[in-house]
Amino acid sequence: MSSFKPGDPVIFRMTKQSTDPGPRAVDIHPAPAGEMYSYQVDKFWAVIEVLSDGKVKLVTRRGKQRTVACNDFRLRHARWWERWLYRDRFPKLSELKDLPLRPDSSAE
Protein backbone atom coordinates (compact mmCIF):
# COMPACT_ATOMS: atom_id res chain seq x y z
CA MET A 1 0.00 0.00 0.00
CA SER A 2 1.33 3.42 -0.94
CA SER A 3 1.63 6.27 1.52
CA PHE A 4 1.10 8.70 -1.36
CA LYS A 5 -2.25 10.18 -2.25
CA PRO A 6 -3.44 12.56 -4.99
CA GLY A 7 -2.44 16.15 -4.30
CA ASP A 8 0.65 15.27 -2.24
CA PRO A 9 3.65 17.47 -2.99
CA VAL A 10 6.71 15.29 -3.62
CA ILE A 11 10.37 15.80 -4.39
CA PHE A 12 12.13 13.64 -6.95
CA ARG A 13 15.94 13.80 -7.14
CA MET A 14 16.82 13.69 -10.85
CA THR A 15 20.32 12.79 -12.05
CA LYS A 16 21.57 14.95 -14.91
CA GLN A 17 24.70 15.54 -16.96
CA SER A 18 25.85 18.70 -18.69
CA THR A 19 28.80 21.03 -19.19
CA ASP A 20 27.32 23.69 -16.92
CA PRO A 21 25.43 22.61 -13.76
CA GLY A 22 22.81 25.12 -12.68
CA PRO A 23 22.52 26.86 -9.31
CA ARG A 24 20.20 24.17 -7.89
CA ALA A 25 22.64 21.34 -8.71
CA VAL A 26 23.91 19.25 -5.79
CA ASP A 27 26.35 16.36 -5.51
CA ILE A 28 28.38 17.61 -8.50
CA HIS A 29 31.07 15.31 -9.93
CA PRO A 30 33.30 16.05 -12.94
CA ALA A 31 33.75 13.40 -15.61
CA PRO A 32 37.10 11.56 -15.38
CA ALA A 33 38.38 12.96 -18.67
CA GLY A 34 36.24 15.68 -20.11
CA GLU A 35 34.19 18.80 -19.61
CA MET A 36 30.96 17.09 -18.50
CA TYR A 37 29.59 17.07 -14.98
CA SER A 38 27.22 14.62 -13.34
CA TYR A 39 24.92 16.13 -10.72
CA GLN A 40 21.50 15.91 -9.13
CA VAL A 41 18.62 18.36 -9.08
CA ASP A 42 15.49 18.24 -6.94
CA LYS A 43 12.27 18.30 -8.94
CA PHE A 44 9.14 19.59 -7.23
CA TRP A 45 6.14 17.61 -8.43
CA ALA A 46 2.69 16.59 -7.23
CA VAL A 47 0.90 13.23 -7.16
CA ILE A 48 -2.12 13.11 -9.45
CA GLU A 49 -2.87 9.39 -9.25
CA VAL A 50 -1.84 6.32 -7.26
CA LEU A 51 -1.78 3.28 -9.54
CA SER A 52 -2.62 -0.26 -8.45
CA ASP A 53 0.74 -1.64 -9.64
CA GLY A 54 2.74 0.19 -6.94
CA LYS A 55 3.46 3.29 -8.99
CA VAL A 56 2.38 6.90 -8.75
CA LYS A 57 1.61 9.28 -11.57
CA LEU A 58 3.24 12.66 -10.96
CA VAL A 59 2.78 16.01 -12.68
CA THR A 60 5.14 18.95 -13.16
CA ARG A 61 4.18 22.63 -13.03
CA ARG A 62 3.85 22.70 -16.80
CA GLY A 63 1.62 19.65 -17.02
CA LYS A 64 4.18 16.99 -17.94
CA GLN A 65 3.36 13.61 -16.41
CA ARG A 66 5.80 11.07 -15.01
CA THR A 67 5.17 7.58 -13.66
CA VAL A 68 7.47 6.46 -10.86
CA ALA A 69 7.54 3.45 -8.54
CA CYS A 70 6.39 4.32 -5.03
CA ASN A 71 9.48 2.67 -3.57
CA ASP A 72 11.95 4.55 -5.81
CA PHE A 73 14.64 5.87 -3.46
CA ARG A 74 14.73 9.18 -5.39
CA LEU A 75 11.06 9.92 -4.58
CA ARG A 76 9.95 11.28 -1.22
CA HIS A 77 7.27 13.38 0.42
CA ALA A 78 8.08 17.05 0.75
CA ARG A 79 8.75 18.05 4.35
CA TRP A 80 6.54 20.74 5.90
CA TRP A 81 9.26 23.39 5.64
CA GLU A 82 9.98 22.45 2.00
CA ARG A 83 6.28 22.80 1.16
CA TRP A 84 6.43 26.32 2.63
CA LEU A 85 9.88 27.39 1.38
CA TYR A 86 9.44 26.05 -2.16
CA ARG A 87 5.66 26.56 -2.45
CA ASP A 88 6.03 28.32 -5.81
CA ARG A 89 7.92 25.38 -7.32
CA PHE A 90 5.25 22.77 -6.65
CA PRO A 91 2.45 22.44 -9.19
CA LYS A 92 -0.96 23.58 -8.05
CA LEU A 93 -3.48 20.99 -9.19
CA SER A 94 -6.21 23.62 -9.45
CA GLU A 95 -4.13 25.56 -12.01
CA LEU A 96 -3.24 22.41 -13.98
CA LYS A 97 -6.89 21.81 -14.88
CA ASP A 98 -6.53 24.62 -17.45
CA LEU A 99 -3.37 23.12 -18.99
CA PRO A 100 -3.42 20.20 -21.41
CA LEU A 101 -1.55 17.38 -19.66
CA ARG A 102 1.37 16.17 -21.72
CA PRO A 103 1.97 12.48 -22.38
CA ASP A 104 3.30 10.24 -19.68
CA SER A 105 6.98 9.40 -19.53
CA SER A 106 8.96 7.32 -17.12
CA ALA A 107 11.43 9.13 -14.84
CA GLU A 108 14.66 7.24 -15.36
C-alpha atoms as a PDB file:
ATOM      1  CA  MET A   1       0.000   0.000   0.000  1.00  0.00           C
ATOM      2  CA  SER A   2       1.330   3.416  -0.941  1.00  0.00           C
ATOM      3  CA  SER A   3       1.626   6.268   1.516  1.00  0.00           C
ATOM      4  CA  PHE A   4       1.104   8.702  -1.363  1.00  0.00           C
ATOM      5  CA  LYS A   5      -2.255  10.183  -2.250  1.00  0.00           C
ATOM      6  CA  PRO A   6      -3.436  12.561  -4.988  1.00  0.00           C
ATOM      7  CA  GLY A   7      -2.441  16.146  -4.300  1.00  0.00           C
ATOM      8  CA  ASP A   8       0.647  15.269  -2.236  1.00  0.00           C
ATOM      9  CA  PRO A   9       3.649  17.466  -2.992  1.00  0.00           C
ATOM     10  CA  VAL A  10       6.707  15.285  -3.620  1.00  0.00           C
ATOM     11  CA  ILE A  11      10.375  15.802  -4.390  1.00  0.00           C
ATOM     12  CA  PHE A  12      12.134  13.641  -6.950  1.00  0.00           C
ATOM     13  CA  ARG A  13      15.936  13.804  -7.138  1.00  0.00           C
ATOM     14  CA  MET A  14      16.821  13.691 -10.854  1.00  0.00           C
ATOM     15  CA  THR A  15      20.321  12.792 -12.050  1.00  0.00           C
ATOM     16  CA  LYS A  16      21.568  14.951 -14.905  1.00  0.00           C
ATOM     17  CA  GLN A  17      24.702  15.537 -16.964  1.00  0.00           C
ATOM     18  CA  SER A  18      25.854  18.704 -18.690  1.00  0.00           C
ATOM     19  CA  THR A  19      28.805  21.025 -19.185  1.00  0.00           C
ATOM     20  CA  ASP A  20      27.319  23.693 -16.920  1.00  0.00           C
ATOM     21  CA  PRO A  21      25.433  22.610 -13.763  1.00  0.00           C
ATOM     22  CA  GLY A  22      22.812  25.120 -12.683  1.00  0.00           C
ATOM     23  CA  PRO A  23      22.523  26.861  -9.310  1.00  0.00           C
ATOM     24  CA  ARG A  24      20.201  24.169  -7.888  1.00  0.00           C
ATOM     25  CA  ALA A  25      22.644  21.342  -8.706  1.00  0.00           C
ATOM     26  CA  VAL A  26      23.909  19.252  -5.794  1.00  0.00           C
ATOM     27  CA  ASP A  27      26.354  16.360  -5.511  1.00  0.00           C
ATOM     28  CA  ILE A  28      28.381  17.611  -8.502  1.00  0.00           C
ATOM     29  CA  HIS A  29      31.067  15.311  -9.927  1.00  0.00           C
ATOM     30  CA  PRO A  30      33.299  16.051 -12.938  1.00  0.00           C
ATOM     31  CA  ALA A  31      33.749  13.401 -15.607  1.00  0.00           C
ATOM     32  CA  PRO A  32      37.097  11.557 -15.378  1.00  0.00           C
ATOM     33  CA  ALA A  33      38.385  12.960 -18.673  1.00  0.00           C
ATOM     34  CA  GLY A  34      36.244  15.684 -20.111  1.00  0.00           C
ATOM     35  CA  GLU A  35      34.190  18.799 -19.606  1.00  0.00           C
ATOM     36  CA  MET A  36      30.964  17.086 -18.499  1.00  0.00           C
ATOM     37  CA  TYR A  37      29.587  17.071 -14.982  1.00  0.00           C
ATOM     38  CA  SER A  38      27.224  14.620 -13.344  1.00  0.00           C
ATOM     39  CA  TYR A  39      24.920  16.126 -10.723  1.00  0.00           C
ATOM     40  CA  GLN A  40      21.502  15.914  -9.131  1.00  0.00           C
ATOM     41  CA  VAL A  41      18.617  18.364  -9.084  1.00  0.00           C
ATOM     42  CA  ASP A  42      15.491  18.245  -6.935  1.00  0.00           C
ATOM     43  CA  LYS A  43      12.271  18.303  -8.939  1.00  0.00           C
ATOM     44  CA  PHE A  44       9.137  19.594  -7.225  1.00  0.00           C
ATOM     45  CA  TRP A  45       6.142  17.605  -8.434  1.00  0.00           C
ATOM     46  CA  ALA A  46       2.690  16.592  -7.226  1.00  0.00           C
ATOM     47  CA  VAL A  47       0.898  13.233  -7.163  1.00  0.00           C
ATOM     48  CA  ILE A  48      -2.123  13.107  -9.454  1.00  0.00           C
ATOM     49  CA  GLU A  49      -2.873   9.387  -9.251  1.00  0.00           C
ATOM     50  CA  VAL A  50      -1.840   6.323  -7.264  1.00  0.00           C
ATOM     51  CA  LEU A  51      -1.781   3.285  -9.541  1.00  0.00           C
ATOM     52  CA  SER A  52      -2.623  -0.259  -8.448  1.00  0.00           C
ATOM     53  CA  ASP A  53       0.739  -1.642  -9.635  1.00  0.00           C
ATOM     54  CA  GLY A  54       2.741   0.190  -6.943  1.00  0.00           C
ATOM     55  CA  LYS A  55       3.456   3.291  -8.990  1.00  0.00           C
ATOM     56  CA  VAL A  56       2.382   6.902  -8.750  1.00  0.00           C
ATOM     57  CA  LYS A  57       1.613   9.280 -11.573  1.00  0.00           C
ATOM     58  CA  LEU A  58       3.235  12.663 -10.961  1.00  0.00           C
ATOM     59  CA  VAL A  59       2.782  16.005 -12.678  1.00  0.00           C
ATOM     60  CA  THR A  60       5.135  18.955 -13.165  1.00  0.00           C
ATOM     61  CA  ARG A  61       4.175  22.630 -13.030  1.00  0.00           C
ATOM     62  CA  ARG A  62       3.847  22.704 -16.804  1.00  0.00           C
ATOM     63  CA  GLY A  63       1.622  19.649 -17.019  1.00  0.00           C
ATOM     64  CA  LYS A  64       4.178  16.986 -17.944  1.00  0.00           C
ATOM     65  CA  GLN A  65       3.360  13.611 -16.410  1.00  0.00           C
ATOM     66  CA  ARG A  66       5.799  11.066 -15.012  1.00  0.00           C
ATOM     67  CA  THR A  67       5.167   7.578 -13.659  1.00  0.00           C
ATOM     68  CA  VAL A  68       7.472   6.463 -10.858  1.00  0.00           C
ATOM     69  CA  ALA A  69       7.536   3.450  -8.541  1.00  0.00           C
ATOM     70  CA  CYS A  70       6.391   4.319  -5.027  1.00  0.00           C
ATOM     71  CA  ASN A  71       9.483   2.667  -3.572  1.00  0.00           C
ATOM     72  CA  ASP A  72      11.948   4.555  -5.808  1.00  0.00           C
ATOM     73  CA  PHE A  73      14.644   5.873  -3.465  1.00  0.00           C
ATOM     74  CA  ARG A  74      14.726   9.182  -5.390  1.00  0.00           C
ATOM     75  CA  LEU A  75      11.063   9.917  -4.577  1.00  0.00           C
ATOM     76  CA  ARG A  76       9.950  11.284  -1.219  1.00  0.00           C
ATOM     77  CA  HIS A  77       7.269  13.381   0.416  1.00  0.00           C
ATOM     78  CA  ALA A  78       8.082  17.055   0.749  1.00  0.00           C
ATOM     79  CA  ARG A  79       8.746  18.045   4.352  1.00  0.00           C
ATOM     80  CA  TRP A  80       6.543  20.743   5.895  1.00  0.00           C
ATOM     81  CA  TRP A  81       9.258  23.387   5.636  1.00  0.00           C
ATOM     82  CA  GLU A  82       9.976  22.453   2.001  1.00  0.00           C
ATOM     83  CA  ARG A  83       6.284  22.803   1.160  1.00  0.00           C
ATOM     84  CA  TRP A  84       6.427  26.319   2.627  1.00  0.00           C
ATOM     85  CA  LEU A  85       9.879  27.387   1.376  1.00  0.00           C
ATOM     86  CA  TYR A  86       9.440  26.050  -2.160  1.00  0.00           C
ATOM     87  CA  ARG A  87       5.661  26.558  -2.451  1.00  0.00           C
ATOM     88  CA  ASP A  88       6.033  28.323  -5.806  1.00  0.00           C
ATOM     89  CA  ARG A  89       7.924  25.376  -7.322  1.00  0.00           C
ATOM     90  CA  PHE A  90       5.249  22.765  -6.649  1.00  0.00           C
ATOM     91  CA  PRO A  91       2.450  22.437  -9.191  1.00  0.00           C
ATOM     92  CA  LYS A  92      -0.960  23.576  -8.053  1.00  0.00           C
ATOM     93  CA  LEU A  93      -3.475  20.991  -9.194  1.00  0.00           C
ATOM     94  CA  SER A  94      -6.209  23.624  -9.451  1.00  0.00           C
ATOM     95  CA  GLU A  95      -4.133  25.556 -12.007  1.00  0.00           C
ATOM     96  CA  LEU A  96      -3.244  22.410 -13.983  1.00  0.00           C
ATOM     97  CA  LYS A  97      -6.887  21.812 -14.881  1.00  0.00           C
ATOM     98  CA  ASP A  98      -6.530  24.620 -17.448  1.00  0.00           C
ATOM     99  CA  LEU A  99      -3.369  23.119 -18.992  1.00  0.00           C
ATOM    100  CA  PRO A 100      -3.421  20.195 -21.413  1.00  0.00           C
ATOM    101  CA  LEU A 101      -1.551  17.382 -19.657  1.00  0.00           C
ATOM    102  CA  ARG A 102       1.366  16.173 -21.725  1.00  0.00           C
ATOM    103  CA  PRO A 103       1.972  12.479 -22.380  1.00  0.00           C
ATOM    104  CA  ASP A 104       3.298  10.240 -19.684  1.00  0.00           C
ATOM    105  CA  SER A 105       6.985   9.397 -19.534  1.00  0.00           C
ATOM    106  CA  SER A 106       8.963   7.324 -17.115  1.00  0.00           C
ATOM    107  CA  ALA A 107      11.432   9.127 -14.844  1.00  0.00           C
ATOM    108  CA  GLU A 108      14.661   7.240 -15.357  1.00  0.00           C
END
